[in-house]
Amino acid sequence: MDLLHLNEMPPDVRQAVAACGAPVVLGRTCGGLLPLVVGAELDSLDGSVARLGDLLRARLAADRA
C-alpha cells in the first residue's frame, strides 16, 4: 500500500484522481487503476478503520468474482 499526498502523485494516479475526485482509495490492477472507495463513501464511514477494512475486503472479493 502506498499513501500519497496530492502533490506526490505520479501521472497515472493524478489522472485517476482527476476522474473520480479526492479523497479516494485506488487499487492497481493489470488493467490500470480502479477506484475502490471514493470520498462520499469514506465520509460515510465516520473515521472507522474497521468499517473501511470491511468495505475494502468486500470490494476486493467482488473484483475477484
PDB file of N, CA and C in Angstrom:
ATOM      1  N   MET A   1       0.849  -1.159   0.000  1.00  0.00           N
ATOM      2  CA  MET A   1       0.000   0.000   0.000  1.00  0.00           C
ATOM      3  C   MET A   1       0.898   1.226   0.000  1.00  0.00           C
ATOM      4  N   ASP A   2       0.553   2.159  -0.859  1.00  0.00           N
ATOM      5  CA  ASP A   2       1.249   3.441  -0.919  1.00  0.00           C
ATOM      6  C   ASP A   2       0.272   4.541  -0.544  1.00  0.00           C
ATOM      7  N   LEU A   3       0.685   5.407   0.348  1.00  0.00           N
ATOM      8  CA  LEU A   3      -0.110   6.580   0.701  1.00  0.00           C
ATOM      9  C   LEU A   3       0.529   7.783   0.039  1.00  0.00           C
ATOM     10  N   LEU A   4      -0.256   8.521  -0.723  1.00  0.00           N
ATOM     11  CA  LEU A   4       0.283   9.664  -1.459  1.00  0.00           C
ATOM     12  C   LEU A   4      -0.487  10.923  -1.138  1.00  0.00           C
ATOM     13  N   HIS A   5       0.231  11.995  -0.964  1.00  0.00           N
ATOM     14  CA  HIS A   5      -0.377  13.315  -0.846  1.00  0.00           C
ATOM     15  C   HIS A   5      -0.678  13.800  -2.264  1.00  0.00           C
ATOM     16  N   LEU A   6      -1.593  14.712  -2.406  1.00  0.00           N
ATOM     17  CA  LEU A   6      -1.972  15.183  -3.740  1.00  0.00           C
ATOM     18  C   LEU A   6      -0.792  15.716  -4.546  1.00  0.00           C
ATOM     19  N   ASN A   7       0.224  16.276  -3.896  1.00  0.00           N
ATOM     20  CA  ASN A   7       1.362  16.812  -4.646  1.00  0.00           C
ATOM     21  C   ASN A   7       2.459  15.780  -4.890  1.00  0.00           C
ATOM     22  N   GLU A   8       2.220  14.514  -4.549  1.00  0.00           N
ATOM     23  CA  GLU A   8       3.201  13.448  -4.746  1.00  0.00           C
ATOM     24  C   GLU A   8       2.775  12.420  -5.791  1.00  0.00           C
ATOM     25  N   MET A   9       1.669  12.633  -6.455  1.00  0.00           N
ATOM     26  CA  MET A   9       1.088  11.612  -7.319  1.00  0.00           C
ATOM     27  C   MET A   9       1.828  11.479  -8.645  1.00  0.00           C
ATOM     28  N   PRO A  10       2.106  10.223  -9.045  1.00  0.00           N
ATOM     29  CA  PRO A  10       2.609  10.013 -10.402  1.00  0.00           C
ATOM     30  C   PRO A  10       1.488  10.275 -11.401  1.00  0.00           C
ATOM     31  N   PRO A  11       1.821  10.430 -12.674  1.00  0.00           N
ATOM     32  CA  PRO A  11       0.812  10.809 -13.683  1.00  0.00           C
ATOM     33  C   PRO A  11      -0.416   9.899 -13.744  1.00  0.00           C
ATOM     34  N   ASP A  12      -0.240   8.585 -13.635  1.00  0.00           N
ATOM     35  CA  ASP A  12      -1.405   7.698 -13.743  1.00  0.00           C
ATOM     36  C   ASP A  12      -2.346   7.868 -12.555  1.00  0.00           C
ATOM     37  N   VAL A  13      -1.793   8.072 -11.381  1.00  0.00           N
ATOM     38  CA  VAL A  13      -2.621   8.300 -10.193  1.00  0.00           C
ATOM     39  C   VAL A  13      -3.297   9.664 -10.296  1.00  0.00           C
ATOM     40  N   ARG A  14      -2.581  10.672 -10.742  1.00  0.00           N
ATOM     41  CA  ARG A  14      -3.151  12.014 -10.914  1.00  0.00           C
ATOM     42  C   ARG A  14      -4.354  11.955 -11.856  1.00  0.00           C
ATOM     43  N   GLN A  15      -4.234  11.200 -12.936  1.00  0.00           N
ATOM     44  CA  GLN A  15      -5.323  11.079 -13.900  1.00  0.00           C
ATOM     45  C   GLN A  15      -6.532  10.373 -13.276  1.00  0.00           C
ATOM     46  N   ALA A  16      -6.291   9.315 -12.519  1.00  0.00           N
ATOM     47  CA  ALA A  16      -7.390   8.591 -11.869  1.00  0.00           C
ATOM     48  C   ALA A  16      -8.089   9.469 -10.837  1.00  0.00           C
ATOM     49  N   VAL A  17      -7.319  10.221 -10.060  1.00  0.00           N
ATOM     50  CA  VAL A  17      -7.905  11.111  -9.058  1.00  0.00           C
ATOM     51  C   VAL A  17      -8.696  12.224  -9.739  1.00  0.00           C
ATOM     52  N   ALA A  18      -8.195  12.733 -10.847  1.00  0.00           N
ATOM     53  CA  ALA A  18      -8.930  13.767 -11.581  1.00  0.00           C
ATOM     54  C   ALA A  18     -10.275  13.233 -12.063  1.00  0.00           C
ATOM     55  N   ALA A  19     -10.326  11.961 -12.411  1.00  0.00           N
ATOM     56  CA  ALA A  19     -11.561  11.361 -12.923  1.00  0.00           C
ATOM     57  C   ALA A  19     -12.580  11.074 -11.825  1.00  0.00           C
ATOM     58  N   CYS A  20     -12.114  10.671 -10.624  1.00  0.00           N
ATOM     59  CA  CYS A  20     -13.073  10.267  -9.585  1.00  0.00           C
ATOM     60  C   CYS A  20     -13.061  11.167  -8.361  1.00  0.00           C
ATOM     61  N   GLY A  21     -12.116  12.079  -8.265  1.00  0.00           N
ATOM     62  CA  GLY A  21     -12.059  13.003  -7.139  1.00  0.00           C
ATOM     63  C   GLY A  21     -11.223  12.486  -5.984  1.00  0.00           C
ATOM     64  N   ALA A  22     -10.907  13.394  -5.086  1.00  0.00           N
ATOM     65  CA  ALA A  22     -10.146  13.057  -3.886  1.00  0.00           C
ATOM     66  C   ALA A  22     -10.998  13.423  -2.680  1.00  0.00           C
ATOM     67  N   PRO A  23     -10.898  12.694  -1.617  1.00  0.00           N
ATOM     68  CA  PRO A  23     -10.019  11.555  -1.387  1.00  0.00           C
ATOM     69  C   PRO A  23     -10.560  10.312  -2.074  1.00  0.00           C
ATOM     70  N   VAL A  24      -9.670   9.369  -2.288  1.00  0.00           N
ATOM     71  CA  VAL A  24     -10.036   8.115  -2.943  1.00  0.00           C
ATOM     72  C   VAL A  24      -9.027   7.044  -2.550  1.00  0.00           C
ATOM     73  N   VAL A  25      -9.500   5.807  -2.501  1.00  0.00           N
ATOM     74  CA  VAL A  25      -8.625   4.652  -2.348  1.00  0.00           C
ATOM     75  C   VAL A  25      -8.624   3.960  -3.697  1.00  0.00           C
ATOM     76  N   LEU A  26      -7.447   3.870  -4.304  1.00  0.00           N
ATOM     77  CA  LEU A  26      -7.309   3.252  -5.620  1.00  0.00           C
ATOM     78  C   LEU A  26      -6.647   1.887  -5.499  1.00  0.00           C
ATOM     79  N   GLY A  27      -7.038   0.983  -6.368  1.00  0.00           N
ATOM     80  CA  GLY A  27      -6.377  -0.305  -6.494  1.00  0.00           C
ATOM     81  C   GLY A  27      -5.714  -0.375  -7.857  1.00  0.00           C
ATOM     82  N   ARG A  28      -4.535  -0.960  -7.889  1.00  0.00           N
ATOM     83  CA  ARG A  28      -3.824  -1.108  -9.158  1.00  0.00           C
ATOM     84  C   ARG A  28      -4.017  -2.543  -9.649  1.00  0.00           C
ATOM     85  N   THR A  29      -4.529  -2.685 -10.861  1.00  0.00           N
ATOM     86  CA  THR A  29      -4.710  -3.991 -11.489  1.00  0.00           C
ATOM     87  C   THR A  29      -3.862  -4.037 -12.748  1.00  0.00           C
ATOM     88  N   CYS A  30      -3.833  -5.177 -13.394  1.00  0.00           N
ATOM     89  CA  CYS A  30      -3.089  -5.264 -14.652  1.00  0.00           C
ATOM     90  C   CYS A  30      -3.729  -4.382 -15.725  1.00  0.00           C
ATOM     91  N   GLY A  31      -4.986  -3.997 -15.519  1.00  0.00           N
ATOM     92  CA  GLY A  31      -5.681  -3.115 -16.457  1.00  0.00           C
ATOM     93  C   GLY A  31      -5.577  -1.642 -16.117  1.00  0.00           C
ATOM     94  N   GLY A  32      -4.937  -1.311 -15.002  1.00  0.00           N
ATOM     95  CA  GLY A  32      -4.793   0.089 -14.611  1.00  0.00           C
ATOM     96  C   GLY A  32      -5.296   0.328 -13.199  1.00  0.00           C
ATOM     97  N   LEU A  33      -5.604   1.569 -12.913  1.00  0.00           N
ATOM     98  CA  LEU A  33      -6.073   1.951 -11.589  1.00  0.00           C
ATOM     99  C   LEU A  33      -7.593   1.907 -11.522  1.00  0.00           C
ATOM    100  N   LEU A  34      -8.089   1.464 -10.375  1.00  0.00           N
ATOM    101  CA  LEU A  34      -9.521   1.286 -10.175  1.00  0.00           C
ATOM    102  C   LEU A  34      -9.905   1.935  -8.852  1.00  0.00           C
ATOM    103  N   PRO A  35     -10.893   2.833  -8.837  1.00  0.00           N
ATOM    104  CA  PRO A  35     -11.322   3.395  -7.552  1.00  0.00           C
ATOM    105  C   PRO A  35     -12.043   2.333  -6.727  1.00  0.00           C
ATOM    106  N   LEU A  36     -11.535   2.090  -5.523  1.00  0.00           N
ATOM    107  CA  LEU A  36     -12.151   1.110  -4.625  1.00  0.00           C
ATOM    108  C   LEU A  36     -13.113   1.773  -3.650  1.00  0.00           C
ATOM    109  N   VAL A  37     -12.736   2.940  -3.145  1.00  0.00           N
ATOM    110  CA  VAL A  37     -13.579   3.686  -2.210  1.00  0.00           C
ATOM    111  C   VAL A  37     -13.412   5.163  -2.542  1.00  0.00           C
ATOM    112  N   VAL A  38     -14.529   5.845  -2.781  1.00  0.00           N
ATOM    113  CA  VAL A  38     -14.481   7.273  -3.140  1.00  0.00           C
ATOM    114  C   VAL A  38     -14.846   8.133  -1.926  1.00  0.00           C
ATOM    115  N   GLY A  39     -14.685   9.432  -2.085  1.00  0.00           N
ATOM    116  CA  GLY A  39     -14.832  10.371  -0.986  1.00  0.00           C
ATOM    117  C   GLY A  39     -16.122  10.264  -0.201  1.00  0.00           C
ATOM    118  N   ALA A  40     -17.266  10.207  -0.865  1.00  0.00           N
ATOM    119  CA  ALA A  40     -18.549  10.136  -0.157  1.00  0.00           C
ATOM    120  C   ALA A  40     -18.629   8.868   0.689  1.00  0.00           C
ATOM    121  N   GLU A  41     -18.079   7.775   0.177  1.00  0.00           N
ATOM    122  CA  GLU A  41     -18.075   6.527   0.945  1.00  0.00           C
ATOM    123  C   GLU A  41     -17.157   6.645   2.154  1.00  0.00           C
ATOM    124  N   LEU A  42     -16.006   7.276   1.967  1.00  0.00           N
ATOM    125  CA  LEU A  42     -15.094   7.489   3.098  1.00  0.00           C
ATOM    126  C   LEU A  42     -15.767   8.344   4.167  1.00  0.00           C
ATOM    127  N   ASP A  43     -16.464   9.386   3.750  1.00  0.00           N
ATOM    128  CA  ASP A  43     -17.179  10.241   4.705  1.00  0.00           C
ATOM    129  C   ASP A  43     -18.206   9.441   5.497  1.00  0.00           C
ATOM    130  N   SER A  44     -18.908   8.527   4.828  1.00  0.00           N
ATOM    131  CA  SER A  44     -19.966   7.765   5.491  1.00  0.00           C
ATOM    132  C   SER A  44     -19.427   6.783   6.525  1.00  0.00           C
ATOM    133  N   LEU A  45     -18.128   6.511   6.489  1.00  0.00           N
ATOM    134  CA  LEU A  45     -17.523   5.579   7.450  1.00  0.00           C
ATOM    135  C   LEU A  45     -17.249   6.244   8.799  1.00  0.00           C
ATOM    136  N   ASP A  46     -17.387   7.551   8.873  1.00  0.00           N
ATOM    137  CA  ASP A  46     -17.205   8.300  10.125  1.00  0.00           C
ATOM    138  C   ASP A  46     -15.882   7.974  10.818  1.00  0.00           C
ATOM    139  N   GLY A  47     -14.821   7.798  10.036  1.00  0.00           N
ATOM    140  CA  GLY A  47     -13.498   7.570  10.605  1.00  0.00           C
ATOM    141  C   GLY A  47     -13.235   6.155  11.093  1.00  0.00           C
ATOM    142  N   SER A  48     -14.142   5.224  10.842  1.00  0.00           N
ATOM    143  CA  SER A  48     -13.982   3.850  11.325  1.00  0.00           C
ATOM    144  C   SER A  48     -13.025   3.065  10.435  1.00  0.00           C
ATOM    145  N   VAL A  49     -11.882   2.737  10.986  1.00  0.00           N
ATOM    146  CA  VAL A  49     -10.903   1.933  10.255  1.00  0.00           C
ATOM    147  C   VAL A  49     -11.450   0.527  10.030  1.00  0.00           C
ATOM    148  N   ALA A  50     -12.170  -0.002  11.000  1.00  0.00           N
ATOM    149  CA  ALA A  50     -12.746  -1.345  10.863  1.00  0.00           C
ATOM    150  C   ALA A  50     -13.741  -1.394   9.703  1.00  0.00           C
ATOM    151  N   ARG A  51     -14.587  -0.378   9.598  1.00  0.00           N
ATOM    152  CA  ARG A  51     -15.564  -0.348   8.507  1.00  0.00           C
ATOM    153  C   ARG A  51     -14.883  -0.145   7.159  1.00  0.00           C
ATOM    154  N   LEU A  52     -13.817   0.646   7.131  1.00  0.00           N
ATOM    155  CA  LEU A  52     -13.046   0.796   5.893  1.00  0.00           C
ATOM    156  C   LEU A  52     -12.452  -0.551   5.486  1.00  0.00           C
ATOM    157  N   GLY A  53     -11.891  -1.270   6.440  1.00  0.00           N
ATOM    158  CA  GLY A  53     -11.344  -2.596   6.144  1.00  0.00           C
ATOM    159  C   GLY A  53     -12.403  -3.536   5.592  1.00  0.00           C
ATOM    160  N   ASP A  54     -13.582  -3.520   6.208  1.00  0.00           N
ATOM    161  CA  ASP A  54     -14.688  -4.363   5.724  1.00  0.00           C
ATOM    162  C   ASP A  54     -15.063  -4.009   4.294  1.00  0.00           C
ATOM    163  N   LEU A  55     -15.165  -2.711   4.025  1.00  0.00           N
ATOM    164  CA  LEU A  55     -15.540  -2.255   2.687  1.00  0.00           C
ATOM    165  C   LEU A  55     -14.480  -2.639   1.661  1.00  0.00           C
ATOM    166  N   LEU A  56     -13.214  -2.445   2.003  1.00  0.00           N
ATOM    167  CA  LEU A  56     -12.140  -2.815   1.075  1.00  0.00           C
ATOM    168  C   LEU A  56     -12.127  -4.316   0.807  1.00  0.00           C
ATOM    169  N   ARG A  57     -12.280  -5.124   1.858  1.00  0.00           N
ATOM    170  CA  ARG A  57     -12.312  -6.581   1.655  1.00  0.00           C
ATOM    171  C   ARG A  57     -13.473  -6.978   0.753  1.00  0.00           C
ATOM    172  N   ALA A  58     -14.630  -6.362   0.951  1.00  0.00           N
ATOM    173  CA  ALA A  58     -15.795  -6.672   0.117  1.00  0.00           C
ATOM    174  C   ALA A  58     -15.544  -6.275  -1.335  1.00  0.00           C
ATOM    175  N   ARG A  59     -14.960  -5.109  -1.563  1.00  0.00           N
ATOM    176  CA  ARG A  59     -14.696  -4.658  -2.934  1.00  0.00           C
ATOM    177  C   ARG A  59     -13.671  -5.555  -3.614  1.00  0.00           C
ATOM    178  N   LEU A  60     -12.640  -5.923  -2.880  1.00  0.00           N
ATOM    179  CA  LEU A  60     -11.617  -6.797  -3.470  1.00  0.00           C
ATOM    180  C   LEU A  60     -12.160  -8.182  -3.762  1.00  0.00           C
ATOM    181  N   ALA A  61     -13.006  -8.700  -2.883  1.00  0.00           N
ATOM    182  CA  ALA A  61     -13.622 -10.008  -3.111  1.00  0.00           C
ATOM    183  C   ALA A  61     -14.549  -9.963  -4.318  1.00  0.00           C
ATOM    184  N   ALA A  62     -15.305  -8.874  -4.478  1.00  0.00           N
ATOM    185  CA  ALA A  62     -16.218  -8.731  -5.617  1.00  0.00           C
ATOM    186  C   ALA A  62     -15.433  -8.647  -6.921  1.00  0.00           C
ATOM    187  N   ASP A  63     -14.261  -8.020  -6.865  1.00  0.00           N
ATOM    188  CA  ASP A  63     -13.429  -7.891  -8.070  1.00  0.00           C
ATOM    189  C   ASP A  63     -12.917  -9.245  -8.518  1.00  0.00           C
ATOM    190  N   ARG A  64     -12.694 -10.155  -7.587  1.00  0.00           N
ATOM    191  CA  ARG A  64     -12.185 -11.496  -7.923  1.00  0.00           C
ATOM    192  C   ARG A  64     -13.280 -12.395  -8.484  1.00  0.00           C
ATOM    193  N   ALA A  65     -14.521 -12.086  -8.148  1.00  0.00           N
ATOM    194  CA  ALA A  65     -15.645 -12.949  -8.562  1.00  0.00           C
ATOM    195  C   ALA A  65     -15.961 -12.808 -10.023  1.00  0.00           C
TER     196      ALA A  65
END
